[in-house]
Amino acid sequence: MSLDDIDKKLIARLQGDLPLEPRPFAAMAAELGLDEAEVVRRVRRLADAKIMRRFGATLRHQRSGFACNVMVAWRAPADQASEMGRVLATVRNVSHAYHRRPCPGFDYNLFTMVHGRDEQECRSIIDQMAQMVGHPAHDLLFSVEELKKTSMRYFTEEGEIHAH
């Protein structure tokens, strides 16, 4: 499926905050010169085509009681890394799971981001995760300070590819 100009403009609006009103898609439709049903149809089509993976609220985890987060770097056997990642991704407190190529001097190939109320809870969750996948070697990289956290913007309001 290819994206037309209207799809790109719609995605640009969906990347940001929804209008705080009873019918936010109607407001978007008016901005785009469409009717509400067409906006909903396009959003469904983008989701069905797996172009848009999810649509939801962004939670500020620190303000909601999840004050601790840790990236876990795992040394997974190369032939098991993808499957181990899929297993670890099922854990409720895991927000991200990535299989990556290791690099010289840093031979980790699987990464998960774990969120908890405090360090003790995170460590307990990680112990359970390690048990789920056969206790591979891993290191914990606790966050010290959040320097930037934004959602990626792919298109401008005009539907152009967002330049960096």
N, C-alpha and C. Protein backbone atom coordinates (compact mmCIF):
# COMPACT_ATOMS: atom_id res chain seq x y z
N MET A 1 0.85 -1.18 0.00
CA MET A 1 0.00 0.00 0.00
C MET A 1 0.89 1.24 0.00
N SER A 2 0.59 2.18 -0.86
CA SER A 2 1.34 3.43 -0.86
C SER A 2 0.49 4.51 -0.19
N LEU A 3 1.17 5.51 0.34
CA LEU A 3 0.50 6.60 1.03
C LEU A 3 0.26 7.75 0.07
N ASP A 4 -0.96 8.28 0.06
CA ASP A 4 -1.22 9.47 -0.73
C ASP A 4 -1.01 10.71 0.15
N ASP A 5 -1.15 11.89 -0.43
CA ASP A 5 -0.90 13.13 0.31
C ASP A 5 -1.82 13.27 1.52
N ILE A 6 -3.07 12.85 1.38
CA ILE A 6 -4.01 12.96 2.50
C ILE A 6 -3.60 12.02 3.62
N ASP A 7 -3.16 10.79 3.29
CA ASP A 7 -2.68 9.86 4.31
C ASP A 7 -1.54 10.50 5.11
N LYS A 8 -0.60 11.11 4.40
CA LYS A 8 0.57 11.72 5.05
C LYS A 8 0.15 12.86 5.97
N LYS A 9 -0.80 13.69 5.52
CA LYS A 9 -1.28 14.79 6.36
C LYS A 9 -2.04 14.25 7.57
N LEU A 10 -2.79 13.19 7.38
CA LEU A 10 -3.50 12.57 8.49
C LEU A 10 -2.51 11.99 9.50
N ILE A 11 -1.50 11.29 9.02
CA ILE A 11 -0.48 10.74 9.92
C ILE A 11 0.19 11.86 10.70
N ALA A 12 0.48 12.98 10.04
CA ALA A 12 1.10 14.12 10.72
C ALA A 12 0.23 14.57 11.90
N ARG A 13 -1.08 14.61 11.71
CA ARG A 13 -1.97 15.03 12.80
C ARG A 13 -2.07 13.96 13.88
N LEU A 14 -2.05 12.70 13.48
CA LEU A 14 -2.13 11.60 14.46
C LEU A 14 -0.86 11.49 15.29
N GLN A 15 0.26 12.03 14.79
CA GLN A 15 1.52 11.99 15.53
C GLN A 15 1.47 12.88 16.77
N GLY A 16 0.61 13.89 16.75
CA GLY A 16 0.54 14.83 17.86
C GLY A 16 -0.63 14.52 18.79
N ASP A 17 -0.95 15.48 19.61
CA ASP A 17 -2.06 15.32 20.54
C ASP A 17 -3.38 15.42 19.80
N LEU A 18 -4.34 14.61 20.22
CA LEU A 18 -5.69 14.71 19.68
C LEU A 18 -6.36 15.96 20.24
N PRO A 19 -7.22 16.59 19.47
CA PRO A 19 -7.98 17.71 20.02
C PRO A 19 -8.83 17.22 21.20
N LEU A 20 -8.84 17.98 22.27
CA LEU A 20 -9.60 17.59 23.46
C LEU A 20 -11.05 18.02 23.29
N GLU A 21 -11.77 17.22 22.56
CA GLU A 21 -13.18 17.48 22.30
C GLU A 21 -13.88 16.15 22.07
N PRO A 22 -15.20 16.14 22.14
CA PRO A 22 -15.94 14.87 22.05
C PRO A 22 -15.68 14.07 20.77
N ARG A 23 -15.42 14.74 19.65
CA ARG A 23 -15.23 14.03 18.38
C ARG A 23 -13.93 14.50 17.71
N PRO A 24 -12.79 14.03 18.23
CA PRO A 24 -11.51 14.51 17.71
C PRO A 24 -11.29 14.19 16.23
N PHE A 25 -11.83 13.06 15.73
CA PHE A 25 -11.65 12.75 14.32
C PHE A 25 -12.46 13.70 13.44
N ALA A 26 -13.57 14.20 13.95
CA ALA A 26 -14.35 15.19 13.20
C ALA A 26 -13.55 16.48 13.05
N ALA A 27 -12.84 16.87 14.11
CA ALA A 27 -12.01 18.07 14.04
C ALA A 27 -10.87 17.88 13.04
N MET A 28 -10.24 16.72 13.05
CA MET A 28 -9.18 16.43 12.07
C MET A 28 -9.74 16.45 10.66
N ALA A 29 -10.91 15.86 10.51
CA ALA A 29 -11.54 15.80 9.19
C ALA A 29 -11.76 17.21 8.65
N ALA A 30 -12.26 18.10 9.50
CA ALA A 30 -12.50 19.48 9.07
C ALA A 30 -11.20 20.15 8.62
N GLU A 31 -10.11 19.91 9.36
CA GLU A 31 -8.80 20.48 8.98
C GLU A 31 -8.34 19.97 7.62
N LEU A 32 -8.68 18.72 7.32
CA LEU A 32 -8.21 18.08 6.09
C LEU A 32 -9.20 18.20 4.93
N GLY A 33 -10.35 18.79 5.19
CA GLY A 33 -11.36 18.91 4.14
C GLY A 33 -12.06 17.59 3.84
N LEU A 34 -12.15 16.72 4.85
CA LEU A 34 -12.80 15.41 4.70
C LEU A 34 -13.97 15.33 5.65
N ASP A 35 -14.74 14.26 5.55
CA ASP A 35 -15.75 14.02 6.58
C ASP A 35 -15.17 13.01 7.59
N GLU A 36 -15.80 12.96 8.75
CA GLU A 36 -15.31 12.12 9.84
C GLU A 36 -15.21 10.65 9.44
N ALA A 37 -16.18 10.15 8.70
CA ALA A 37 -16.18 8.74 8.29
C ALA A 37 -14.96 8.41 7.43
N GLU A 38 -14.56 9.35 6.57
CA GLU A 38 -13.38 9.13 5.72
C GLU A 38 -12.10 9.08 6.56
N VAL A 39 -12.00 9.92 7.57
CA VAL A 39 -10.83 9.88 8.47
C VAL A 39 -10.77 8.54 9.18
N VAL A 40 -11.89 8.09 9.72
CA VAL A 40 -11.93 6.79 10.41
C VAL A 40 -11.58 5.66 9.45
N ARG A 41 -12.09 5.71 8.23
CA ARG A 41 -11.78 4.68 7.23
C ARG A 41 -10.28 4.65 6.93
N ARG A 42 -9.68 5.81 6.79
CA ARG A 42 -8.25 5.87 6.49
C ARG A 42 -7.41 5.37 7.67
N VAL A 43 -7.80 5.72 8.87
CA VAL A 43 -7.07 5.24 10.05
C VAL A 43 -7.14 3.72 10.12
N ARG A 44 -8.31 3.17 9.89
CA ARG A 44 -8.46 1.70 9.88
C ARG A 44 -7.61 1.06 8.79
N ARG A 45 -7.59 1.67 7.61
CA ARG A 45 -6.80 1.14 6.49
C ARG A 45 -5.31 1.16 6.83
N LEU A 46 -4.84 2.23 7.44
CA LEU A 46 -3.43 2.32 7.85
C LEU A 46 -3.10 1.26 8.89
N ALA A 47 -4.03 1.01 9.80
CA ALA A 47 -3.81 -0.02 10.82
C ALA A 47 -3.86 -1.41 10.20
N ASP A 48 -4.83 -1.66 9.34
CA ASP A 48 -4.96 -2.98 8.70
C ASP A 48 -3.74 -3.31 7.84
N ALA A 49 -3.16 -2.29 7.21
CA ALA A 49 -1.98 -2.48 6.36
C ALA A 49 -0.69 -2.53 7.19
N LYS A 50 -0.82 -2.40 8.51
CA LYS A 50 0.32 -2.43 9.43
C LYS A 50 1.28 -1.26 9.22
N ILE A 51 0.80 -0.21 8.58
CA ILE A 51 1.59 1.01 8.45
C ILE A 51 1.55 1.76 9.78
N MET A 52 0.39 1.78 10.38
CA MET A 52 0.22 2.35 11.71
C MET A 52 0.06 1.18 12.66
N ARG A 53 1.04 0.99 13.51
CA ARG A 53 1.07 -0.19 14.38
C ARG A 53 0.10 -0.06 15.54
N ARG A 54 0.04 1.12 16.12
CA ARG A 54 -0.87 1.32 17.25
C ARG A 54 -1.24 2.79 17.35
N PHE A 55 -2.27 3.02 18.10
CA PHE A 55 -2.77 4.37 18.30
C PHE A 55 -3.22 4.42 19.75
N GLY A 56 -2.60 5.27 20.56
CA GLY A 56 -2.99 5.28 21.96
C GLY A 56 -2.43 6.47 22.71
N ALA A 57 -2.75 6.50 23.98
CA ALA A 57 -2.28 7.57 24.85
C ALA A 57 -0.82 7.35 25.21
N THR A 58 -0.11 8.44 25.43
CA THR A 58 1.27 8.38 25.90
C THR A 58 1.25 8.70 27.38
N LEU A 59 1.75 7.79 28.17
CA LEU A 59 1.76 7.92 29.61
C LEU A 59 3.11 8.44 30.07
N ARG A 60 3.13 9.44 30.91
CA ARG A 60 4.35 9.91 31.55
C ARG A 60 4.61 8.98 32.73
N HIS A 61 5.43 7.95 32.50
CA HIS A 61 5.54 6.88 33.49
C HIS A 61 6.01 7.36 34.86
N GLN A 62 6.88 8.37 34.93
CA GLN A 62 7.35 8.85 36.23
C GLN A 62 6.19 9.43 37.05
N ARG A 63 5.28 10.10 36.39
CA ARG A 63 4.15 10.73 37.09
C ARG A 63 3.07 9.72 37.45
N SER A 64 3.13 8.53 36.88
CA SER A 64 2.08 7.54 37.14
C SER A 64 2.53 6.46 38.12
N GLY A 65 3.68 6.67 38.77
CA GLY A 65 4.13 5.72 39.78
C GLY A 65 5.23 4.78 39.33
N PHE A 66 5.61 4.83 38.06
CA PHE A 66 6.70 3.98 37.57
C PHE A 66 7.96 4.84 37.52
N ALA A 67 8.62 4.96 38.68
CA ALA A 67 9.74 5.89 38.83
C ALA A 67 11.07 5.31 38.36
N CYS A 68 11.12 4.02 38.12
CA CYS A 68 12.39 3.37 37.76
C CYS A 68 12.27 2.71 36.40
N ASN A 69 13.31 2.85 35.59
CA ASN A 69 13.36 2.08 34.36
C ASN A 69 14.80 1.66 34.10
N VAL A 70 14.92 0.54 33.43
CA VAL A 70 16.24 -0.04 33.20
C VAL A 70 16.26 -0.72 31.84
N MET A 71 17.31 -0.44 31.09
CA MET A 71 17.52 -1.19 29.85
C MET A 71 18.34 -2.42 30.23
N VAL A 72 17.85 -3.56 29.81
CA VAL A 72 18.57 -4.81 30.06
C VAL A 72 19.23 -5.23 28.76
N ALA A 73 20.55 -5.38 28.81
CA ALA A 73 21.31 -5.84 27.65
C ALA A 73 21.59 -7.33 27.87
N TRP A 74 21.12 -8.15 26.95
CA TRP A 74 21.22 -9.61 27.06
C TRP A 74 22.21 -10.16 26.03
N ARG A 75 22.95 -11.20 26.44
CA ARG A 75 23.78 -11.96 25.50
C ARG A 75 23.01 -13.22 25.15
N ALA A 76 22.28 -13.17 24.09
CA ALA A 76 21.46 -14.31 23.67
C ALA A 76 22.21 -15.10 22.60
N PRO A 77 22.13 -16.43 22.63
CA PRO A 77 22.71 -17.20 21.53
C PRO A 77 22.11 -16.70 20.21
N ALA A 78 22.96 -16.50 19.22
CA ALA A 78 22.53 -15.90 17.95
C ALA A 78 21.30 -16.58 17.36
N ASP A 79 21.25 -17.90 17.44
CA ASP A 79 20.14 -18.63 16.84
C ASP A 79 18.88 -18.62 17.70
N GLN A 80 18.95 -18.04 18.90
CA GLN A 80 17.80 -18.00 19.80
C GLN A 80 17.34 -16.58 20.11
N ALA A 81 18.08 -15.58 19.65
CA ALA A 81 17.82 -14.20 20.06
C ALA A 81 16.42 -13.72 19.69
N SER A 82 15.98 -13.98 18.47
CA SER A 82 14.65 -13.51 18.07
C SER A 82 13.55 -14.15 18.91
N GLU A 83 13.64 -15.44 19.12
CA GLU A 83 12.61 -16.13 19.92
C GLU A 83 12.66 -15.66 21.37
N MET A 84 13.86 -15.50 21.93
CA MET A 84 13.97 -15.00 23.30
C MET A 84 13.36 -13.60 23.39
N GLY A 85 13.62 -12.78 22.39
CA GLY A 85 13.04 -11.44 22.38
C GLY A 85 11.53 -11.46 22.36
N ARG A 86 10.96 -12.36 21.59
CA ARG A 86 9.49 -12.48 21.54
C ARG A 86 8.94 -12.91 22.91
N VAL A 87 9.64 -13.81 23.58
CA VAL A 87 9.21 -14.25 24.91
C VAL A 87 9.29 -13.09 25.90
N LEU A 88 10.41 -12.39 25.91
CA LEU A 88 10.59 -11.28 26.85
C LEU A 88 9.61 -10.14 26.57
N ALA A 89 9.25 -9.96 25.32
CA ALA A 89 8.31 -8.90 24.95
C ALA A 89 6.92 -9.13 25.52
N THR A 90 6.62 -10.35 25.95
CA THR A 90 5.30 -10.63 26.53
C THR A 90 5.17 -10.15 27.97
N VAL A 91 6.28 -9.80 28.59
CA VAL A 91 6.25 -9.36 29.99
C VAL A 91 5.59 -7.98 30.07
N ARG A 92 4.64 -7.86 30.95
CA ARG A 92 3.82 -6.64 31.05
C ARG A 92 4.66 -5.38 31.26
N ASN A 93 5.71 -5.45 32.04
CA ASN A 93 6.51 -4.27 32.36
C ASN A 93 7.56 -3.93 31.31
N VAL A 94 7.60 -4.68 30.22
CA VAL A 94 8.55 -4.42 29.13
C VAL A 94 7.87 -3.54 28.09
N SER A 95 8.48 -2.38 27.82
CA SER A 95 7.91 -1.48 26.81
C SER A 95 8.59 -1.62 25.46
N HIS A 96 9.84 -2.03 25.44
CA HIS A 96 10.59 -2.16 24.19
C HIS A 96 11.41 -3.44 24.24
N ALA A 97 11.52 -4.10 23.12
CA ALA A 97 12.39 -5.28 22.99
C ALA A 97 12.99 -5.24 21.59
N TYR A 98 14.32 -5.26 21.52
CA TYR A 98 15.01 -5.17 20.23
C TYR A 98 16.08 -6.24 20.13
N HIS A 99 16.16 -6.86 18.97
CA HIS A 99 17.26 -7.76 18.61
C HIS A 99 18.16 -6.94 17.68
N ARG A 100 19.43 -6.80 18.05
CA ARG A 100 20.37 -6.00 17.27
C ARG A 100 21.65 -6.79 17.04
N ARG A 101 22.41 -6.38 16.04
CA ARG A 101 23.72 -7.00 15.83
C ARG A 101 24.66 -6.52 16.92
N PRO A 102 25.44 -7.42 17.52
CA PRO A 102 26.43 -6.97 18.51
C PRO A 102 27.56 -6.21 17.81
N CYS A 103 28.28 -5.43 18.56
CA CYS A 103 29.41 -4.70 17.98
C CYS A 103 30.68 -5.04 18.77
N PRO A 104 31.82 -4.82 18.18
CA PRO A 104 33.08 -5.16 18.86
C PRO A 104 33.17 -4.51 20.24
N GLY A 105 33.50 -5.29 21.23
CA GLY A 105 33.63 -4.78 22.58
C GLY A 105 32.32 -4.68 23.35
N PHE A 106 31.22 -4.95 22.70
CA PHE A 106 29.89 -4.89 23.34
C PHE A 106 29.05 -5.97 22.69
N ASP A 107 29.18 -7.18 23.22
CA ASP A 107 28.61 -8.35 22.53
C ASP A 107 27.18 -8.69 22.93
N TYR A 108 26.43 -7.69 23.32
CA TYR A 108 25.01 -7.89 23.62
C TYR A 108 24.22 -7.80 22.32
N ASN A 109 23.18 -8.60 22.21
CA ASN A 109 22.40 -8.60 20.97
C ASN A 109 20.89 -8.50 21.19
N LEU A 110 20.46 -8.43 22.44
CA LEU A 110 19.04 -8.36 22.75
C LEU A 110 18.87 -7.32 23.85
N PHE A 111 17.90 -6.43 23.66
CA PHE A 111 17.71 -5.33 24.60
C PHE A 111 16.24 -5.20 24.96
N THR A 112 15.97 -5.03 26.25
CA THR A 112 14.60 -4.82 26.71
C THR A 112 14.58 -3.62 27.64
N MET A 113 13.49 -2.87 27.62
CA MET A 113 13.31 -1.75 28.54
C MET A 113 12.24 -2.15 29.54
N VAL A 114 12.62 -2.15 30.81
CA VAL A 114 11.75 -2.60 31.90
C VAL A 114 11.39 -1.41 32.77
N HIS A 115 10.12 -1.30 33.13
CA HIS A 115 9.64 -0.21 33.98
C HIS A 115 9.05 -0.79 35.26
N GLY A 116 9.34 -0.13 36.38
CA GLY A 116 8.80 -0.56 37.67
C GLY A 116 8.67 0.62 38.61
N ARG A 117 8.06 0.36 39.76
CA ARG A 117 7.87 1.42 40.76
C ARG A 117 9.19 1.84 41.39
N ASP A 118 10.12 0.88 41.52
CA ASP A 118 11.41 1.18 42.12
C ASP A 118 12.43 0.15 41.63
N GLU A 119 13.68 0.33 42.04
CA GLU A 119 14.75 -0.56 41.58
C GLU A 119 14.50 -2.01 41.99
N GLN A 120 14.02 -2.21 43.20
CA GLN A 120 13.76 -3.57 43.67
C GLN A 120 12.73 -4.28 42.79
N GLU A 121 11.66 -3.59 42.43
CA GLU A 121 10.66 -4.20 41.56
C GLU A 121 11.26 -4.53 40.19
N CYS A 122 12.04 -3.61 39.64
CA CYS A 122 12.68 -3.88 38.34
C CYS A 122 13.58 -5.10 38.42
N ARG A 123 14.39 -5.19 39.46
CA ARG A 123 15.29 -6.34 39.60
C ARG A 123 14.51 -7.65 39.71
N SER A 124 13.41 -7.62 40.43
CA SER A 124 12.58 -8.82 40.57
C SER A 124 12.00 -9.24 39.22
N ILE A 125 11.52 -8.28 38.46
CA ILE A 125 10.96 -8.57 37.13
C ILE A 125 12.05 -9.16 36.23
N ILE A 126 13.23 -8.57 36.27
CA ILE A 126 14.34 -9.04 35.42
C ILE A 126 14.77 -10.45 35.82
N ASP A 127 14.76 -10.75 37.11
CA ASP A 127 15.07 -12.12 37.55
C ASP A 127 14.06 -13.11 36.95
N GLN A 128 12.79 -12.74 36.95
CA GLN A 128 11.76 -13.60 36.35
C GLN A 128 11.96 -13.74 34.85
N MET A 129 12.33 -12.64 34.20
CA MET A 129 12.59 -12.68 32.76
C MET A 129 13.75 -13.61 32.44
N ALA A 130 14.82 -13.50 33.22
CA ALA A 130 15.99 -14.36 32.99
C ALA A 130 15.61 -15.83 33.13
N GLN A 131 14.78 -16.12 34.10
CA GLN A 131 14.32 -17.51 34.29
C GLN A 131 13.51 -17.98 33.08
N MET A 132 12.72 -17.10 32.50
CA MET A 132 11.88 -17.46 31.35
C MET A 132 12.70 -17.90 30.14
N VAL A 133 13.93 -17.35 30.01
CA VAL A 133 14.73 -17.60 28.81
C VAL A 133 16.05 -18.31 29.12
N GLY A 134 16.12 -18.99 30.25
CA GLY A 134 17.29 -19.83 30.53
C GLY A 134 18.49 -19.12 31.11
N HIS A 135 18.29 -18.00 31.75
CA HIS A 135 19.35 -17.27 32.47
C HIS A 135 20.56 -16.88 31.62
N PRO A 136 20.36 -16.25 30.47
CA PRO A 136 21.53 -15.80 29.71
C PRO A 136 22.23 -14.65 30.45
N ALA A 137 23.51 -14.45 30.14
CA ALA A 137 24.24 -13.33 30.72
C ALA A 137 23.54 -12.03 30.33
N HIS A 138 23.49 -11.11 31.27
CA HIS A 138 22.86 -9.82 30.99
C HIS A 138 23.41 -8.76 31.94
N ASP A 139 23.29 -7.53 31.53
CA ASP A 139 23.68 -6.39 32.36
C ASP A 139 22.53 -5.40 32.41
N LEU A 140 22.47 -4.68 33.54
CA LEU A 140 21.39 -3.73 33.77
C LEU A 140 21.91 -2.31 33.63
N LEU A 141 21.24 -1.53 32.82
CA LEU A 141 21.62 -0.14 32.59
C LEU A 141 20.48 0.74 33.10
N PHE A 142 20.54 1.09 34.39
CA PHE A 142 19.49 1.90 35.00
C PHE A 142 19.58 3.34 34.50
N SER A 143 18.44 3.93 34.24
CA SER A 143 18.41 5.33 33.80
C SER A 143 18.84 6.22 34.96
N VAL A 144 19.68 7.19 34.65
CA VAL A 144 20.14 8.16 35.63
C VAL A 144 19.34 9.45 35.47
N GLU A 145 19.15 9.85 34.22
CA GLU A 145 18.46 11.10 33.92
C GLU A 145 17.85 11.00 32.53
N GLU A 146 16.62 11.45 32.38
CA GLU A 146 15.99 11.49 31.06
C GLU A 146 16.35 12.82 30.41
N LEU A 147 17.09 12.73 29.31
CA LEU A 147 17.55 13.94 28.63
C LEU A 147 16.63 14.33 27.48
N LYS A 148 15.99 13.36 26.87
CA LYS A 148 15.03 13.64 25.80
C LYS A 148 14.13 12.43 25.65
N LYS A 149 12.86 12.70 25.46
CA LYS A 149 11.92 11.63 25.15
C LYS A 149 10.78 12.25 24.36
N THR A 150 10.73 11.93 23.09
CA THR A 150 9.67 12.44 22.23
C THR A 150 9.21 11.31 21.32
N SER A 151 8.06 11.47 20.77
CA SER A 151 7.59 10.53 19.76
C SER A 151 8.17 10.97 18.42
N MET A 152 8.53 10.00 17.61
CA MET A 152 9.08 10.30 16.29
C MET A 152 8.02 10.95 15.43
N ARG A 153 8.41 11.98 14.71
CA ARG A 153 7.52 12.65 13.76
C ARG A 153 8.01 12.30 12.36
N TYR A 154 7.15 11.63 11.59
CA TYR A 154 7.54 11.17 10.26
C TYR A 154 7.15 12.15 9.16
N PHE A 155 6.03 12.86 9.36
CA PHE A 155 5.55 13.79 8.35
C PHE A 155 5.23 15.13 9.00
N THR A 156 5.43 16.22 8.24
CA THR A 156 5.04 17.55 8.70
C THR A 156 3.53 17.70 8.50
N GLU A 157 2.97 18.78 9.02
CA GLU A 157 1.54 19.06 8.86
C GLU A 157 1.14 19.15 7.38
N GLU A 158 2.11 19.50 6.54
CA GLU A 158 1.84 19.60 5.10
C GLU A 158 1.94 18.25 4.39
N GLY A 159 2.32 17.21 5.13
CA GLY A 159 2.44 15.89 4.53
C GLY A 159 3.80 15.60 3.94
N GLU A 160 4.77 16.48 4.18
CA GLU A 160 6.13 16.26 3.69
C GLU A 160 6.90 15.40 4.69
N ILE A 161 7.89 14.67 4.19
CA ILE A 161 8.74 13.88 5.09
C ILE A 161 9.46 14.84 6.01
N HIS A 162 9.42 14.54 7.31
CA HIS A 162 10.02 15.39 8.33
C HIS A 162 11.53 15.35 8.18
N ALA A 163 12.14 16.50 7.88
CA ALA A 163 13.60 16.58 7.71
C ALA A 163 14.25 16.85 9.06
N HIS A 164 15.42 16.31 9.23
CA HIS A 164 16.14 16.51 10.50
C HIS A 164 17.33 17.40 10.31
